[in-house]
Amino acid sequence: MAMSQWVRLIAIDLVVILLWSVAVGASAPYWPSRWLVTDRFPLRLTRWDSVSLYRSVGIIALKDHLPEAGAMFGGQSKRSLRGTDAAALRVYLTEVRRAEWVHWISMASWIPLVWFNPWPLTAAFAIVVIGVNVPFILTVRFNRIRLLRLVR
């Protein structure tokens, strides 16, 4: 395959991934909150999900360096709590669940690439897309664990 074909494929891949991610992020503030009341798969916490585990992998240091774009399309920022009463914590918990769903769905943005890419390029994009979304998922899971403790 010629270099120009690789460049064109990479450009198309970037557009597909960007459009997918923007579409998911832009639609998320309009998802009904009732969808986000419980922790359905893949949000269901496991026995390994603990504050100590997330601290040991460096989430505390990482979370302050990740961008927060929750308010970009009309949602709420998760940079800080808007209140400490039970109602405010439940609203924040809903937003954290929304954020985790956004990143799980965005992580699937490489899948359409399978239909028009050679497998090494698809694999490379899958690794990058997953690698970019996992820190966000871990951060919001960490926050959700702490919020669930507070709400209880």
C-alpha atoms as a PDB file:
ATOM      1  CA  MET A   1       0.000   0.000   0.000  1.00  0.00           C
ATOM      2  CA  ALA A   2       1.355   3.415  -0.957  1.00  0.00           C
ATOM      3  CA  MET A   3       2.159   6.014   1.680  1.00  0.00           C
ATOM      4  CA  SER A   4      -0.606   8.311   0.410  1.00  0.00           C
ATOM      5  CA  GLN A   5      -3.164   5.531   0.949  1.00  0.00           C
ATOM      6  CA  TRP A   6      -1.974   5.046   4.540  1.00  0.00           C
ATOM      7  CA  VAL A   7      -2.190   8.778   5.190  1.00  0.00           C
ATOM      8  CA  ARG A   8      -5.702   8.882   3.730  1.00  0.00           C
ATOM      9  CA  LEU A   9      -6.816   5.897   5.844  1.00  0.00           C
ATOM     10  CA  ILE A  10      -5.354   7.420   9.000  1.00  0.00           C
ATOM     11  CA  ALA A  11      -7.136  10.716   8.273  1.00  0.00           C
ATOM     12  CA  ILE A  12     -10.433   8.890   7.716  1.00  0.00           C
ATOM     13  CA  ASP A  13      -9.908   6.902  10.925  1.00  0.00           C
ATOM     14  CA  LEU A  14      -9.296  10.053  12.916  1.00  0.00           C
ATOM     15  CA  VAL A  15     -12.459  11.636  11.523  1.00  0.00           C
ATOM     16  CA  VAL A  16     -14.533   8.527  12.304  1.00  0.00           C
ATOM     17  CA  ILE A  17     -13.228   8.360  15.868  1.00  0.00           C
ATOM     18  CA  LEU A  18     -13.645  12.087  16.430  1.00  0.00           C
ATOM     19  CA  LEU A  19     -17.205  12.179  15.030  1.00  0.00           C
ATOM     20  CA  TRP A  20     -18.203   9.107  17.042  1.00  0.00           C
ATOM     21  CA  SER A  21     -16.786  10.567  20.260  1.00  0.00           C
ATOM     22  CA  VAL A  22     -18.337  13.998  19.697  1.00  0.00           C
ATOM     23  CA  ALA A  23     -21.717  12.434  18.876  1.00  0.00           C
ATOM     24  CA  VAL A  24     -21.639  10.395  22.084  1.00  0.00           C
ATOM     25  CA  GLY A  25     -20.492  13.350  24.197  1.00  0.00           C
ATOM     26  CA  ALA A  26     -22.999  15.736  22.627  1.00  0.00           C
ATOM     27  CA  SER A  27     -25.928  13.359  23.121  1.00  0.00           C
ATOM     28  CA  ALA A  28     -25.036  12.384  26.703  1.00  0.00           C
ATOM     29  CA  PRO A  29     -26.554  15.440  28.465  1.00  0.00           C
ATOM     30  CA  TYR A  30     -29.900  14.542  26.874  1.00  0.00           C
ATOM     31  CA  TRP A  31     -29.962  10.940  28.077  1.00  0.00           C
ATOM     32  CA  PRO A  32     -32.753  10.441  30.605  1.00  0.00           C
ATOM     33  CA  SER A  33     -31.419  10.423  34.156  1.00  0.00           C
ATOM     34  CA  ARG A  34     -33.483   7.302  34.874  1.00  0.00           C
ATOM     35  CA  TRP A  35     -31.037   5.414  32.633  1.00  0.00           C
ATOM     36  CA  LEU A  36     -28.275   6.334  35.055  1.00  0.00           C
ATOM     37  CA  VAL A  37     -29.813   5.449  38.403  1.00  0.00           C
ATOM     38  CA  THR A  38     -28.159   2.050  38.704  1.00  0.00           C
ATOM     39  CA  ASP A  39     -24.787   0.599  37.849  1.00  0.00           C
ATOM     40  CA  ARG A  40     -25.550  -1.671  34.917  1.00  0.00           C
ATOM     41  CA  PHE A  41     -22.842  -3.529  33.047  1.00  0.00           C
ATOM     42  CA  PRO A  42     -20.151  -2.301  32.381  1.00  0.00           C
ATOM     43  CA  LEU A  43     -20.555   0.119  35.297  1.00  0.00           C
ATOM     44  CA  ARG A  44     -21.207  -2.618  37.830  1.00  0.00           C
ATOM     45  CA  LEU A  45     -18.490  -2.464  40.453  1.00  0.00           C
ATOM     46  CA  THR A  46     -16.518  -5.593  41.213  1.00  0.00           C
ATOM     47  CA  ARG A  47     -14.829  -6.786  44.370  1.00  0.00           C
ATOM     48  CA  TRP A  48     -11.577  -5.337  43.009  1.00  0.00           C
ATOM     49  CA  ASP A  49     -13.008  -1.829  42.768  1.00  0.00           C
ATOM     50  CA  SER A  50     -11.798  -0.147  45.921  1.00  0.00           C
ATOM     51  CA  VAL A  51     -10.481   3.265  46.826  1.00  0.00           C
ATOM     52  CA  SER A  52      -7.176   1.730  47.918  1.00  0.00           C
ATOM     53  CA  LEU A  53      -6.687  -0.047  44.583  1.00  0.00           C
ATOM     54  CA  TYR A  54      -7.340   3.106  42.586  1.00  0.00           C
ATOM     55  CA  ARG A  55      -5.006   5.094  44.823  1.00  0.00           C
ATOM     56  CA  SER A  56      -2.292   2.460  44.394  1.00  0.00           C
ATOM     57  CA  VAL A  57      -2.436   2.813  40.596  1.00  0.00           C
ATOM     58  CA  GLY A  58      -2.074   6.597  40.838  1.00  0.00           C
ATOM     59  CA  ILE A  59      -5.591   7.815  40.086  1.00  0.00           C
ATOM     60  CA  ILE A  60      -5.272  10.632  42.621  1.00  0.00           C
ATOM     61  CA  ALA A  61      -2.351  12.129  40.689  1.00  0.00           C
ATOM     62  CA  LEU A  62      -3.854  11.362  37.290  1.00  0.00           C
ATOM     63  CA  LYS A  63      -7.321  12.817  37.853  1.00  0.00           C
ATOM     64  CA  ASP A  64      -6.058  16.379  38.210  1.00  0.00           C
ATOM     65  CA  HIS A  65      -4.332  16.215  34.819  1.00  0.00           C
ATOM     66  CA  LEU A  66      -7.225  14.874  32.746  1.00  0.00           C
ATOM     67  CA  PRO A  67      -9.362  17.381  30.840  1.00  0.00           C
ATOM     68  CA  GLU A  68     -12.972  17.814  31.923  1.00  0.00           C
ATOM     69  CA  ALA A  69     -15.359  18.312  29.023  1.00  0.00           C
ATOM     70  CA  GLY A  70     -18.621  17.316  30.705  1.00  0.00           C
ATOM     71  CA  ALA A  71     -20.072  20.815  30.383  1.00  0.00           C
ATOM     72  CA  MET A  72     -18.976  21.265  26.760  1.00  0.00           C
ATOM     73  CA  PHE A  73     -22.295  20.128  25.261  1.00  0.00           C
ATOM     74  CA  GLY A  74     -24.643  21.280  28.013  1.00  0.00           C
ATOM     75  CA  GLY A  75     -23.857  18.693  30.672  1.00  0.00           C
ATOM     76  CA  GLN A  76     -22.302  19.299  34.063  1.00  0.00           C
ATOM     77  CA  SER A  77     -18.649  19.534  34.913  1.00  0.00           C
ATOM     78  CA  LYS A  78     -17.376  16.886  37.266  1.00  0.00           C
ATOM     79  CA  ARG A  79     -14.352  18.919  38.319  1.00  0.00           C
ATOM     80  CA  SER A  80     -15.951  19.662  41.711  1.00  0.00           C
ATOM     81  CA  LEU A  81     -19.035  18.897  43.763  1.00  0.00           C
ATOM     82  CA  ARG A  82     -21.917  21.369  43.516  1.00  0.00           C
ATOM     83  CA  GLY A  83     -23.087  20.575  47.028  1.00  0.00           C
ATOM     84  CA  THR A  84     -22.634  18.089  49.835  1.00  0.00           C
ATOM     85  CA  ASP A  85     -26.253  17.261  50.705  1.00  0.00           C
ATOM     86  CA  ALA A  86     -27.692  13.894  49.650  1.00  0.00           C
ATOM     87  CA  ALA A  87     -29.610  15.328  46.669  1.00  0.00           C
ATOM     88  CA  ALA A  88     -26.525  17.069  45.247  1.00  0.00           C
ATOM     89  CA  LEU A  89     -24.449  13.910  45.709  1.00  0.00           C
ATOM     90  CA  ARG A  90     -27.063  11.852  43.824  1.00  0.00           C
ATOM     91  CA  VAL A  91     -27.037  14.358  40.938  1.00  0.00           C
ATOM     92  CA  TYR A  92     -23.240  14.214  40.863  1.00  0.00           C
ATOM     93  CA  LEU A  93     -23.391  10.415  40.960  1.00  0.00           C
ATOM     94  CA  THR A  94     -25.683  10.475  37.916  1.00  0.00           C
ATOM     95  CA  GLU A  95     -23.186  12.690  36.076  1.00  0.00           C
ATOM     96  CA  VAL A  96     -20.300  10.380  36.973  1.00  0.00           C
ATOM     97  CA  ARG A  97     -22.254   7.416  35.614  1.00  0.00           C
ATOM     98  CA  ARG A  98     -23.024   9.412  32.463  1.00  0.00           C
ATOM     99  CA  ALA A  99     -19.323  10.183  32.042  1.00  0.00           C
ATOM    100  CA  GLU A 100     -18.352   6.561  32.444  1.00  0.00           C
ATOM    101  CA  TRP A 101     -20.915   5.478  29.838  1.00  0.00           C
ATOM    102  CA  VAL A 102     -19.609   8.159  27.461  1.00  0.00           C
ATOM    103  CA  HIS A 103     -16.097   6.768  27.721  1.00  0.00           C
ATOM    104  CA  TRP A 104     -17.197   3.128  27.408  1.00  0.00           C
ATOM    105  CA  ILE A 105     -19.178   3.955  24.264  1.00  0.00           C
ATOM    106  CA  SER A 106     -16.391   6.182  22.914  1.00  0.00           C
ATOM    107  CA  MET A 107     -13.962   3.341  23.460  1.00  0.00           C
ATOM    108  CA  ALA A 108     -15.899   1.381  20.816  1.00  0.00           C
ATOM    109  CA  SER A 109     -15.211   4.026  18.155  1.00  0.00           C
ATOM    110  CA  TRP A 110     -12.478   1.877  16.593  1.00  0.00           C
ATOM    111  CA  ILE A 111     -14.930  -0.907  15.685  1.00  0.00           C
ATOM    112  CA  PRO A 112     -16.172   0.674  12.398  1.00  0.00           C
ATOM    113  CA  LEU A 113     -12.545   0.822  11.251  1.00  0.00           C
ATOM    114  CA  VAL A 114     -12.586  -2.971  10.879  1.00  0.00           C
ATOM    115  CA  TRP A 115     -14.631  -2.658   7.678  1.00  0.00           C
ATOM    116  CA  PHE A 116     -12.168  -0.539   5.696  1.00  0.00           C
ATOM    117  CA  ASN A 117      -8.760  -0.755   7.374  1.00  0.00           C
ATOM    118  CA  PRO A 118      -6.000  -3.323   7.188  1.00  0.00           C
ATOM    119  CA  TRP A 119      -5.920  -5.172  10.515  1.00  0.00           C
ATOM    120  CA  PRO A 120      -2.616  -3.652  11.764  1.00  0.00           C
ATOM    121  CA  LEU A 121      -4.019  -0.136  11.428  1.00  0.00           C
ATOM    122  CA  THR A 122      -7.284  -1.146  13.087  1.00  0.00           C
ATOM    123  CA  ALA A 123      -5.338  -2.752  15.936  1.00  0.00           C
ATOM    124  CA  ALA A 124      -3.192   0.355  16.366  1.00  0.00           C
ATOM    125  CA  PHE A 125      -6.254   2.596  16.562  1.00  0.00           C
ATOM    126  CA  ALA A 126      -7.996   0.176  18.939  1.00  0.00           C
ATOM    127  CA  ILE A 127      -5.010   0.302  21.291  1.00  0.00           C
ATOM    128  CA  VAL A 128      -4.858   4.103  21.157  1.00  0.00           C
ATOM    129  CA  VAL A 129      -8.607   4.627  21.605  1.00  0.00           C
ATOM    130  CA  ILE A 130      -8.780   2.179  24.496  1.00  0.00           C
ATOM    131  CA  GLY A 131      -5.633   3.646  26.034  1.00  0.00           C
ATOM    132  CA  VAL A 132      -7.062   7.165  25.883  1.00  0.00           C
ATOM    133  CA  ASN A 133     -10.433   6.215  27.425  1.00  0.00           C
ATOM    134  CA  VAL A 134      -9.283   3.873  30.207  1.00  0.00           C
ATOM    135  CA  PRO A 135      -7.793   6.627  32.424  1.00  0.00           C
ATOM    136  CA  PHE A 136     -11.103   8.517  32.263  1.00  0.00           C
ATOM    137  CA  ILE A 137     -13.065   5.367  33.106  1.00  0.00           C
ATOM    138  CA  LEU A 138     -10.792   4.601  36.051  1.00  0.00           C
ATOM    139  CA  THR A 139     -11.086   8.172  37.317  1.00  0.00           C
ATOM    140  CA  VAL A 140     -14.872   8.295  37.210  1.00  0.00           C
ATOM    141  CA  ARG A 141     -15.104   4.813  38.751  1.00  0.00           C
ATOM    142  CA  PHE A 142     -12.862   5.981  41.583  1.00  0.00           C
ATOM    143  CA  ASN A 143     -15.085   9.017  42.095  1.00  0.00           C
ATOM    144  CA  ARG A 144     -18.220   6.867  41.951  1.00  0.00           C
ATOM    145  CA  ILE A 145     -16.893   4.520  44.648  1.00  0.00           C
ATOM    146  CA  ARG A 146     -16.240   7.485  46.913  1.00  0.00           C
ATOM    147  CA  LEU A 147     -19.644   9.026  46.139  1.00  0.00           C
ATOM    148  CA  LEU A 148     -21.474   5.789  46.840  1.00  0.00           C
ATOM    149  CA  ARG A 149     -19.795   5.683  50.246  1.00  0.00           C
ATOM    150  CA  LEU A 150     -20.954   9.235  50.963  1.00  0.00           C
ATOM    151  CA  VAL A 151     -24.512   8.622  49.786  1.00  0.00           C
ATOM    152  CA  ARG A 152     -24.810   5.498  51.948  1.00  0.00           C
END
